[in-house]
Amino acid sequence: MSSRRTDVARLGTSIPRRRWPAMTDPELRAQSFEIAWKYLDQSGLLTGEPNDSARFILNRIDRMMLRGERRRLLLSNAAIDAYRSRPVLVTLDA
């Protein structure tokens, strides 16, 4: 009985296998950006200079990743929300 208890205990301490390989930070960043960009583009919310919009979205994703966030959809959704609620400069053309 003692040996069986040891075998059962050993099962609980085994290292679990991953279902898929871990994503690298550059891959996670790129995929999160792509999701956010496609959504904003298809919904017609992308305005202004594309480089400025891309910089804004990537900045939001980068800040969250620096805090430890690694969930792709949470990163992209937070970037979308931030982009939608960002202050927009309005120019008056005379």
PDB file of N, CA and C in Angstrom:
ATOM      1  N   MET A   1       0.819  -1.195   0.000  1.00  0.00           N
ATOM      2  CA  MET A   1       0.000   0.000   0.000  1.00  0.00           C
ATOM      3  C   MET A   1       0.858   1.252   0.000  1.00  0.00           C
ATOM      4  N   SER A   2       1.938   1.195   0.678  1.00  0.00           N
ATOM      5  CA  SER A   2       2.850   2.327   0.723  1.00  0.00           C
ATOM      6  C   SER A   2       3.400   2.655  -0.665  1.00  0.00           C
ATOM      7  N   SER A   3       3.739   1.628  -1.445  1.00  0.00           N
ATOM      8  CA  SER A   3       4.277   1.882  -2.782  1.00  0.00           C
ATOM      9  C   SER A   3       3.213   2.474  -3.699  1.00  0.00           C
ATOM     10  N   ARG A   4       1.974   2.051  -3.530  1.00  0.00           N
ATOM     11  CA  ARG A   4       0.909   2.622  -4.357  1.00  0.00           C
ATOM     12  C   ARG A   4       0.710   4.092  -4.027  1.00  0.00           C
ATOM     13  N   ARG A   5       0.755   4.449  -2.781  1.00  0.00           N
ATOM     14  CA  ARG A   5       0.604   5.843  -2.366  1.00  0.00           C
ATOM     15  C   ARG A   5       1.717   6.690  -2.977  1.00  0.00           C
ATOM     16  N   THR A   6       2.901   6.158  -3.033  1.00  0.00           N
ATOM     17  CA  THR A   6       4.026   6.867  -3.625  1.00  0.00           C
ATOM     18  C   THR A   6       3.805   7.072  -5.120  1.00  0.00           C
ATOM     19  N   ASP A   7       3.281   6.051  -5.812  1.00  0.00           N
ATOM     20  CA  ASP A   7       3.017   6.180  -7.245  1.00  0.00           C
ATOM     21  C   ASP A   7       1.964   7.247  -7.523  1.00  0.00           C
ATOM     22  N   VAL A   8       0.921   7.301  -6.734  1.00  0.00           N
ATOM     23  CA  VAL A   8      -0.131   8.295  -6.912  1.00  0.00           C
ATOM     24  C   VAL A   8       0.417   9.687  -6.632  1.00  0.00           C
ATOM     25  N   ALA A   9       1.225   9.824  -5.610  1.00  0.00           N
ATOM     26  CA  ALA A   9       1.798  11.128  -5.276  1.00  0.00           C
ATOM     27  C   ALA A   9       2.720  11.607  -6.389  1.00  0.00           C
ATOM     28  N   ARG A  10       3.417  10.691  -7.002  1.00  0.00           N
ATOM     29  CA  ARG A  10       4.331  11.058  -8.066  1.00  0.00           C
ATOM     30  C   ARG A  10       3.571  11.597  -9.293  1.00  0.00           C
ATOM     31  N   LEU A  11       2.389  11.093  -9.532  1.00  0.00           N
ATOM     32  CA  LEU A  11       1.601  11.578 -10.662  1.00  0.00           C
ATOM     33  C   LEU A  11       1.253  13.055 -10.513  1.00  0.00           C
ATOM     34  N   GLY A  12       0.977  13.488  -9.304  1.00  0.00           N
ATOM     35  CA  GLY A  12       0.597  14.875  -9.070  1.00  0.00           C
ATOM     36  C   GLY A  12       1.732  15.856  -9.226  1.00  0.00           C
ATOM     37  N   THR A  13       2.946  15.372  -9.188  1.00  0.00           N
ATOM     38  CA  THR A  13       4.081  16.286  -9.285  1.00  0.00           C
ATOM     39  C   THR A  13       4.734  16.289 -10.662  1.00  0.00           C
ATOM     40  N   SER A  14       4.139  15.568 -11.602  1.00  0.00           N
ATOM     41  CA  SER A  14       4.738  15.557 -12.935  1.00  0.00           C
ATOM     42  C   SER A  14       4.553  16.919 -13.601  1.00  0.00           C
ATOM     43  N   ILE A  15       5.416  17.221 -14.516  1.00  0.00           N
ATOM     44  CA  ILE A  15       5.362  18.496 -15.227  1.00  0.00           C
ATOM     45  C   ILE A  15       4.320  18.383 -16.336  1.00  0.00           C
ATOM     46  N   PRO A  16       3.326  19.255 -16.327  1.00  0.00           N
ATOM     47  CA  PRO A  16       2.292  19.163 -17.373  1.00  0.00           C
ATOM     48  C   PRO A  16       2.854  19.555 -18.729  1.00  0.00           C
ATOM     49  N   ARG A  17       2.370  18.892 -19.769  1.00  0.00           N
ATOM     50  CA  ARG A  17       2.776  19.224 -21.128  1.00  0.00           C
ATOM     51  C   ARG A  17       1.891  20.337 -21.657  1.00  0.00           C
ATOM     52  N   ARG A  18       2.461  21.216 -22.430  1.00  0.00           N
ATOM     53  CA  ARG A  18       1.683  22.282 -23.057  1.00  0.00           C
ATOM     54  C   ARG A  18       0.978  21.736 -24.281  1.00  0.00           C
ATOM     55  N   ARG A  19      -0.194  22.273 -24.567  1.00  0.00           N
ATOM     56  CA  ARG A  19      -0.918  21.868 -25.763  1.00  0.00           C
ATOM     57  C   ARG A  19      -0.271  22.453 -27.011  1.00  0.00           C
ATOM     58  N   TRP A  20       0.270  23.627 -26.908  1.00  0.00           N
ATOM     59  CA  TRP A  20       0.908  24.305 -28.029  1.00  0.00           C
ATOM     60  C   TRP A  20       2.130  25.032 -27.501  1.00  0.00           C
ATOM     61  N   PRO A  21       3.088  25.318 -28.359  1.00  0.00           N
ATOM     62  CA  PRO A  21       4.295  26.011 -27.882  1.00  0.00           C
ATOM     63  C   PRO A  21       3.971  27.421 -27.411  1.00  0.00           C
ATOM     64  N   ALA A  22       4.729  27.870 -26.440  1.00  0.00           N
ATOM     65  CA  ALA A  22       4.531  29.219 -25.907  1.00  0.00           C
ATOM     66  C   ALA A  22       4.826  30.255 -26.991  1.00  0.00           C
ATOM     67  N   MET A  23       4.036  31.322 -26.984  1.00  0.00           N
ATOM     68  CA  MET A  23       4.199  32.387 -27.974  1.00  0.00           C
ATOM     69  C   MET A  23       5.275  33.358 -27.479  1.00  0.00           C
ATOM     70  N   THR A  24       6.116  33.809 -28.378  1.00  0.00           N
ATOM     71  CA  THR A  24       7.124  34.784 -28.001  1.00  0.00           C
ATOM     72  C   THR A  24       6.487  36.167 -27.911  1.00  0.00           C
ATOM     73  N   ASP A  25       7.137  37.067 -27.209  1.00  0.00           N
ATOM     74  CA  ASP A  25       6.607  38.424 -27.069  1.00  0.00           C
ATOM     75  C   ASP A  25       6.418  39.129 -28.416  1.00  0.00           C
ATOM     76  N   PRO A  26       7.379  39.054 -29.347  1.00  0.00           N
ATOM     77  CA  PRO A  26       7.144  39.708 -30.647  1.00  0.00           C
ATOM     78  C   PRO A  26       5.941  39.122 -31.401  1.00  0.00           C
ATOM     79  N   GLU A  27       5.736  37.812 -31.296  1.00  0.00           N
ATOM     80  CA  GLU A  27       4.577  37.195 -31.948  1.00  0.00           C
ATOM     81  C   GLU A  27       3.284  37.656 -31.295  1.00  0.00           C
ATOM     82  N   LEU A  28       3.269  37.678 -29.988  1.00  0.00           N
ATOM     83  CA  LEU A  28       2.092  38.124 -29.245  1.00  0.00           C
ATOM     84  C   LEU A  28       1.768  39.574 -29.567  1.00  0.00           C
ATOM     85  N   ARG A  29       2.781  40.407 -29.602  1.00  0.00           N
ATOM     86  CA  ARG A  29       2.609  41.827 -29.920  1.00  0.00           C
ATOM     87  C   ARG A  29       2.050  41.994 -31.334  1.00  0.00           C
ATOM     88  N   ALA A  30       2.623  41.267 -32.290  1.00  0.00           N
ATOM     89  CA  ALA A  30       2.192  41.371 -33.684  1.00  0.00           C
ATOM     90  C   ALA A  30       0.761  40.875 -33.868  1.00  0.00           C
ATOM     91  N   GLN A  31       0.415  39.767 -33.247  1.00  0.00           N
ATOM     92  CA  GLN A  31      -0.934  39.231 -33.381  1.00  0.00           C
ATOM     93  C   GLN A  31      -1.965  40.135 -32.712  1.00  0.00           C
ATOM     94  N   SER A  32      -1.638  40.666 -31.554  1.00  0.00           N
ATOM     95  CA  SER A  32      -2.553  41.581 -30.858  1.00  0.00           C
ATOM     96  C   SER A  32      -2.767  42.840 -31.684  1.00  0.00           C
ATOM     97  N   PHE A  33      -1.690  43.365 -32.253  1.00  0.00           N
ATOM     98  CA  PHE A  33      -1.802  44.545 -33.111  1.00  0.00           C
ATOM     99  C   PHE A  33      -2.667  44.252 -34.325  1.00  0.00           C
ATOM    100  N   GLU A  34      -2.433  43.117 -34.968  1.00  0.00           N
ATOM    101  CA  GLU A  34      -3.181  42.771 -36.177  1.00  0.00           C
ATOM    102  C   GLU A  34      -4.677  42.667 -35.898  1.00  0.00           C
ATOM    103  N   ILE A  35      -5.038  42.066 -34.778  1.00  0.00           N
ATOM    104  CA  ILE A  35      -6.453  41.949 -34.414  1.00  0.00           C
ATOM    105  C   ILE A  35      -7.059  43.334 -34.232  1.00  0.00           C
ATOM    106  N   ALA A  36      -6.380  44.186 -33.473  1.00  0.00           N
ATOM    107  CA  ALA A  36      -6.891  45.531 -33.213  1.00  0.00           C
ATOM    108  C   ALA A  36      -6.980  46.338 -34.504  1.00  0.00           C
ATOM    109  N   TRP A  37      -5.941  46.274 -35.317  1.00  0.00           N
ATOM    110  CA  TRP A  37      -5.905  47.063 -36.563  1.00  0.00           C
ATOM    111  C   TRP A  37      -7.027  46.634 -37.510  1.00  0.00           C
ATOM    112  N   LYS A  38      -7.193  45.328 -37.697  1.00  0.00           N
ATOM    113  CA  LYS A  38      -8.235  44.837 -38.602  1.00  0.00           C
ATOM    114  C   LYS A  38      -9.619  45.270 -38.126  1.00  0.00           C
ATOM    115  N   TYR A  39      -9.856  45.150 -36.826  1.00  0.00           N
ATOM    116  CA  TYR A  39     -11.163  45.537 -36.300  1.00  0.00           C
ATOM    117  C   TYR A  39     -11.421  47.028 -36.543  1.00  0.00           C
ATOM    118  N   LEU A  40     -10.455  47.857 -36.173  1.00  0.00           N
ATOM    119  CA  LEU A  40     -10.628  49.303 -36.326  1.00  0.00           C
ATOM    120  C   LEU A  40     -10.759  49.694 -37.794  1.00  0.00           C
ATOM    121  N   ASP A  41      -9.998  49.055 -38.656  1.00  0.00           N
ATOM    122  CA  ASP A  41     -10.058  49.358 -40.082  1.00  0.00           C
ATOM    123  C   ASP A  41     -11.407  48.953 -40.670  1.00  0.00           C
ATOM    124  N   GLN A  42     -11.849  47.741 -40.377  1.00  0.00           N
ATOM    125  CA  GLN A  42     -13.110  47.248 -40.931  1.00  0.00           C
ATOM    126  C   GLN A  42     -14.317  47.998 -40.379  1.00  0.00           C
ATOM    127  N   SER A  43     -14.196  48.532 -39.171  1.00  0.00           N
ATOM    128  CA  SER A  43     -15.322  49.264 -38.593  1.00  0.00           C
ATOM    129  C   SER A  43     -15.306  50.743 -38.994  1.00  0.00           C
ATOM    130  N   GLY A  44     -14.258  51.165 -39.714  1.00  0.00           N
ATOM    131  CA  GLY A  44     -14.172  52.545 -40.167  1.00  0.00           C
ATOM    132  C   GLY A  44     -13.733  53.519 -39.086  1.00  0.00           C
ATOM    133  N   LEU A  45     -13.173  53.010 -38.007  1.00  0.00           N
ATOM    134  CA  LEU A  45     -12.761  53.875 -36.906  1.00  0.00           C
ATOM    135  C   LEU A  45     -11.342  54.411 -37.035  1.00  0.00           C
ATOM    136  N   LEU A  46     -10.544  53.856 -37.949  1.00  0.00           N
ATOM    137  CA  LEU A  46      -9.183  54.353 -38.141  1.00  0.00           C
ATOM    138  C   LEU A  46      -9.246  55.709 -38.839  1.00  0.00           C
ATOM    139  N   THR A  47      -8.709  56.704 -38.180  1.00  0.00           N
ATOM    140  CA  THR A  47      -8.722  58.051 -38.744  1.00  0.00           C
ATOM    141  C   THR A  47      -7.326  58.645 -38.658  1.00  0.00           C
ATOM    142  N   GLY A  48      -7.085  59.647 -39.447  1.00  0.00           N
ATOM    143  CA  GLY A  48      -5.805  60.342 -39.389  1.00  0.00           C
ATOM    144  C   GLY A  48      -4.688  59.575 -40.052  1.00  0.00           C
ATOM    145  N   GLU A  49      -3.489  59.912 -39.665  1.00  0.00           N
ATOM    146  CA  GLU A  49      -2.274  59.321 -40.215  1.00  0.00           C
ATOM    147  C   GLU A  49      -2.130  57.868 -39.744  1.00  0.00           C
ATOM    148  N   PRO A  50      -1.965  56.921 -40.678  1.00  0.00           N
ATOM    149  CA  PRO A  50      -1.832  55.513 -40.282  1.00  0.00           C
ATOM    150  C   PRO A  50      -0.665  55.243 -39.326  1.00  0.00           C
ATOM    151  N   ASN A  51       0.462  55.934 -39.527  1.00  0.00           N
ATOM    152  CA  ASN A  51       1.604  55.718 -38.632  1.00  0.00           C
ATOM    153  C   ASN A  51       1.295  56.155 -37.206  1.00  0.00           C
ATOM    154  N   ASP A  52       0.577  57.253 -37.053  1.00  0.00           N
ATOM    155  CA  ASP A  52       0.193  57.713 -35.719  1.00  0.00           C
ATOM    156  C   ASP A  52      -0.769  56.736 -35.056  1.00  0.00           C
ATOM    157  N   SER A  53      -1.718  56.231 -35.834  1.00  0.00           N
ATOM    158  CA  SER A  53      -2.674  55.250 -35.303  1.00  0.00           C
ATOM    159  C   SER A  53      -1.958  53.974 -34.887  1.00  0.00           C
ATOM    160  N   ALA A  54      -1.039  53.498 -35.721  1.00  0.00           N
ATOM    161  CA  ALA A  54      -0.283  52.285 -35.407  1.00  0.00           C
ATOM    162  C   ALA A  54       0.555  52.482 -34.147  1.00  0.00           C
ATOM    163  N   ARG A  55       1.204  53.637 -34.042  1.00  0.00           N
ATOM    164  CA  ARG A  55       2.010  53.942 -32.864  1.00  0.00           C
ATOM    165  C   ARG A  55       1.151  53.943 -31.592  1.00  0.00           C
ATOM    166  N   PHE A  56      -0.038  54.530 -31.686  1.00  0.00           N
ATOM    167  CA  PHE A  56      -0.942  54.594 -30.538  1.00  0.00           C
ATOM    168  C   PHE A  56      -1.349  53.188 -30.088  1.00  0.00           C
ATOM    169  N   ILE A  57      -1.742  52.353 -31.040  1.00  0.00           N
ATOM    170  CA  ILE A  57      -2.179  50.987 -30.718  1.00  0.00           C
ATOM    171  C   ILE A  57      -1.028  50.180 -30.121  1.00  0.00           C
ATOM    172  N   LEU A  58       0.145  50.251 -30.745  1.00  0.00           N
ATOM    173  CA  LEU A  58       1.301  49.507 -30.240  1.00  0.00           C
ATOM    174  C   LEU A  58       1.741  49.994 -28.868  1.00  0.00           C
ATOM    175  N   ASN A  59       1.632  51.287 -28.628  1.00  0.00           N
ATOM    176  CA  ASN A  59       1.999  51.828 -27.322  1.00  0.00           C
ATOM    177  C   ASN A  59       1.124  51.225 -26.227  1.00  0.00           C
ATOM    178  N   ARG A  60      -0.167  51.130 -26.488  1.00  0.00           N
ATOM    179  CA  ARG A  60      -1.084  50.546 -25.506  1.00  0.00           C
ATOM    180  C   ARG A  60      -0.763  49.082 -25.261  1.00  0.00           C
ATOM    181  N   ILE A  61      -0.533  48.327 -26.319  1.00  0.00           N
ATOM    182  CA  ILE A  61      -0.196  46.903 -26.196  1.00  0.00           C
ATOM    183  C   ILE A  61       1.118  46.737 -25.434  1.00  0.00           C
ATOM    184  N   ASP A  62       2.115  47.553 -25.775  1.00  0.00           N
ATOM    185  CA  ASP A  62       3.422  47.465 -25.115  1.00  0.00           C
ATOM    186  C   ASP A  62       3.328  47.751 -23.622  1.00  0.00           C
ATOM    187  N   ARG A  63       2.566  48.774 -23.264  1.00  0.00           N
ATOM    188  CA  ARG A  63       2.432  49.112 -21.841  1.00  0.00           C
ATOM    189  C   ARG A  63       1.796  47.970 -21.056  1.00  0.00           C
ATOM    190  N   MET A  64       0.802  47.331 -21.634  1.00  0.00           N
ATOM    191  CA  MET A  64       0.159  46.214 -20.945  1.00  0.00           C
ATOM    192  C   MET A  64       1.088  45.001 -20.856  1.00  0.00           C
ATOM    193  N   MET A  65       1.860  44.762 -21.912  1.00  0.00           N
ATOM    194  CA  MET A  65       2.795  43.642 -21.881  1.00  0.00           C
ATOM    195  C   MET A  65       3.892  43.877 -20.845  1.00  0.00           C
ATOM    196  N   LEU A  66       4.311  45.128 -20.683  1.00  0.00           N
ATOM    197  CA  LEU A  66       5.321  45.441 -19.661  1.00  0.00           C
ATOM    198  C   LEU A  66       4.807  45.172 -18.262  1.00  0.00           C
ATOM    199  N   ARG A  67       3.499  45.258 -18.081  1.00  0.00           N
ATOM    200  CA  ARG A  67       2.889  44.950 -16.781  1.00  0.00           C
ATOM    201  C   ARG A  67       2.621  43.458 -16.613  1.00  0.00           C
ATOM    202  N   GLY A  68       2.923  42.669 -17.659  1.00  0.00           N
ATOM    203  CA  GLY A  68       2.816  41.226 -17.528  1.00  0.00           C
ATOM    204  C   GLY A  68       1.638  40.583 -18.241  1.00  0.00           C
ATOM    205  N   GLU A  69       0.831  41.367 -18.927  1.00  0.00           N
ATOM    206  CA  GLU A  69      -0.323  40.790 -19.616  1.00  0.00           C
ATOM    207  C   GLU A  69       0.126  39.981 -20.825  1.00  0.00           C
ATOM    208  N   ARG A  70      -0.401  38.761 -20.979  1.00  0.00           N
ATOM    209  CA  ARG A  70      -0.017  37.892 -22.095  1.00  0.00           C
ATOM    210  C   ARG A  70      -1.233  37.317 -22.825  1.00  0.00           C
ATOM    211  N   ARG A  71      -2.422  37.795 -22.518  1.00  0.00           N
ATOM    212  CA  ARG A  71      -3.614  37.311 -23.211  1.00  0.00           C
ATOM    213  C   ARG A  71      -3.852  38.169 -24.445  1.00  0.00           C
ATOM    214  N   ARG A  72      -3.761  37.525 -25.601  1.00  0.00           N
ATOM    215  CA  ARG A  72      -3.810  38.223 -26.882  1.00  0.00           C
ATOM    216  C   ARG A  72      -5.084  39.036 -27.070  1.00  0.00           C
ATOM    217  N   LEU A  73      -6.232  38.457 -26.801  1.00  0.00           N
ATOM    218  CA  LEU A  73      -7.487  39.172 -27.013  1.00  0.00           C
ATOM    219  C   LEU A  73      -7.670  40.311 -26.021  1.00  0.00           C
ATOM    220  N   LEU A  74      -7.187  40.143 -24.809  1.00  0.00           N
ATOM    221  CA  LEU A  74      -7.276  41.234 -23.852  1.00  0.00           C
ATOM    222  C   LEU A  74      -6.391  42.400 -24.299  1.00  0.00           C
ATOM    223  N   LEU A  75      -5.212  42.092 -24.803  1.00  0.00           N
ATOM    224  CA  LEU A  75      -4.322  43.136 -25.310  1.00  0.00           C
ATOM    225  C   LEU A  75      -4.959  43.881 -26.480  1.00  0.00           C
ATOM    226  N   SER A  76      -5.508  43.138 -27.435  1.00  0.00           N
ATOM    227  CA  SER A  76      -6.092  43.788 -28.606  1.00  0.00           C
ATOM    228  C   SER A  76      -7.361  44.552 -28.245  1.00  0.00           C
ATOM    229  N   ASN A  77      -8.198  44.000 -27.390  1.00  0.00           N
ATOM    230  CA  ASN A  77      -9.428  44.707 -27.006  1.00  0.00           C
ATOM    231  C   ASN A  77      -9.131  45.973 -26.214  1.00  0.00           C
ATOM    232  N   ALA A  78      -8.135  45.929 -25.361  1.00  0.00           N
ATOM    233  CA  ALA A  78      -7.761  47.131 -24.598  1.00  0.00           C
ATOM    234  C   ALA A  78      -7.224  48.209 -25.545  1.00  0.00           C
ATOM    235  N   ALA A  79      -6.466  47.807 -26.552  1.00  0.00           N
ATOM    236  CA  ALA A  79      -5.948  48.768 -27.529  1.00  0.00           C
ATOM    237  C   ALA A  79      -7.092  49.375 -28.338  1.00  0.00           C
ATOM    238  N   ILE A  80      -8.068  48.565 -28.694  1.00  0.00           N
ATOM    239  CA  ILE A  80      -9.241  49.067 -29.423  1.00  0.00           C
ATOM    240  C   ILE A  80     -10.006  50.072 -28.571  1.00  0.00           C
ATOM    241  N   ASP A  81     -10.267  49.715 -27.326  1.00  0.00           N
ATOM    242  CA  ASP A  81     -10.995  50.623 -26.423  1.00  0.00           C
ATOM    243  C   ASP A  81     -10.248  51.935 -26.221  1.00  0.00           C
ATOM    244  N   ALA A  82      -8.928  51.843 -26.038  1.00  0.00           N
ATOM    245  CA  ALA A  82      -8.127  53.058 -25.848  1.00  0.00           C
ATOM    246  C   ALA A  82      -8.166  53.929 -27.104  1.00  0.00           C
ATOM    247  N   TYR A  83      -8.090  53.298 -28.265  1.00  0.00           N
ATOM    248  CA  TYR A  83      -8.113  54.048 -29.524  1.00  0.00           C
ATOM    249  C   TYR A  83      -9.458  54.739 -29.717  1.00  0.00           C
ATOM    250  N   ARG A  84     -10.527  54.037 -29.405  1.00  0.00           N
ATOM    251  CA  ARG A  84     -11.865  54.609 -29.571  1.00  0.00           C
ATOM    252  C   ARG A  84     -12.109  55.780 -28.628  1.00  0.00           C
ATOM    253  N   SER A  85     -11.506  55.762 -27.457  1.00  0.00           N
ATOM    254  CA  SER A  85     -11.757  56.824 -26.478  1.00  0.00           C
ATOM    255  C   SER A  85     -10.639  57.868 -26.413  1.00  0.00           C
ATOM    256  N   ARG A  86      -9.689  57.808 -27.347  1.00  0.00           N
ATOM    257  CA  ARG A  86      -8.576  58.765 -27.332  1.00  0.00           C
ATOM    258  C   ARG A  86      -9.088  60.152 -27.718  1.00  0.00           C
ATOM    259  N   PRO A  87      -8.453  61.173 -27.200  1.00  0.00           N
ATOM    260  CA  PRO A  87      -8.832  62.528 -27.638  1.00  0.00           C
ATOM    261  C   PRO A  87      -8.364  62.756 -29.073  1.00  0.00           C
ATOM    262  N   VAL A  88      -9.196  63.365 -29.860  1.00  0.00           N
ATOM    263  CA  VAL A  88      -8.884  63.623 -31.267  1.00  0.00           C
ATOM    264  C   VAL A  88      -8.769  65.121 -31.462  1.00  0.00           C
ATOM    265  N   LEU A  89      -7.685  65.534 -32.087  1.00  0.00           N
ATOM    266  CA  LEU A  89      -7.498  66.939 -32.385  1.00  0.00           C
ATOM    267  C   LEU A  89      -8.360  67.339 -33.568  1.00  0.00           C
ATOM    268  N   VAL A  90      -9.055  68.414 -33.421  1.00  0.00           N
ATOM    269  CA  VAL A  90      -9.918  68.901 -34.502  1.00  0.00           C
ATOM    270  C   VAL A  90      -9.284  70.170 -35.066  1.00  0.00           C
ATOM    271  N   THR A  91      -9.092  70.193 -36.370  1.00  0.00           N
ATOM    272  CA  THR A  91      -8.529  71.395 -36.999  1.00  0.00           C
ATOM    273  C   THR A  91      -9.651  72.175 -37.658  1.00  0.00           C
ATOM    274  N   LEU A  92      -9.548  73.457 -37.580  1.00  0.00           N
ATOM    275  CA  LEU A  92     -10.539  74.324 -38.213  1.00  0.00           C
ATOM    276  C   LEU A  92      -9.961  74.851 -39.511  1.00  0.00           C
ATOM    277  N   ASP A  93     -10.517  74.396 -40.609  1.00  0.00           N
ATOM    278  CA  ASP A  93     -10.070  74.863 -41.920  1.00  0.00           C
ATOM    279  C   ASP A  93     -10.939  76.047 -42.337  1.00  0.00           C
ATOM    280  N   ALA A  94     -10.318  77.187 -42.595  1.00  0.00           N
ATOM    281  CA  ALA A  94     -11.091  78.375 -42.950  1.00  0.00           C
ATOM    282  C   ALA A  94     -11.361  78.449 -44.422  1.00  0.00           C
TER     283      ALA A  94
END
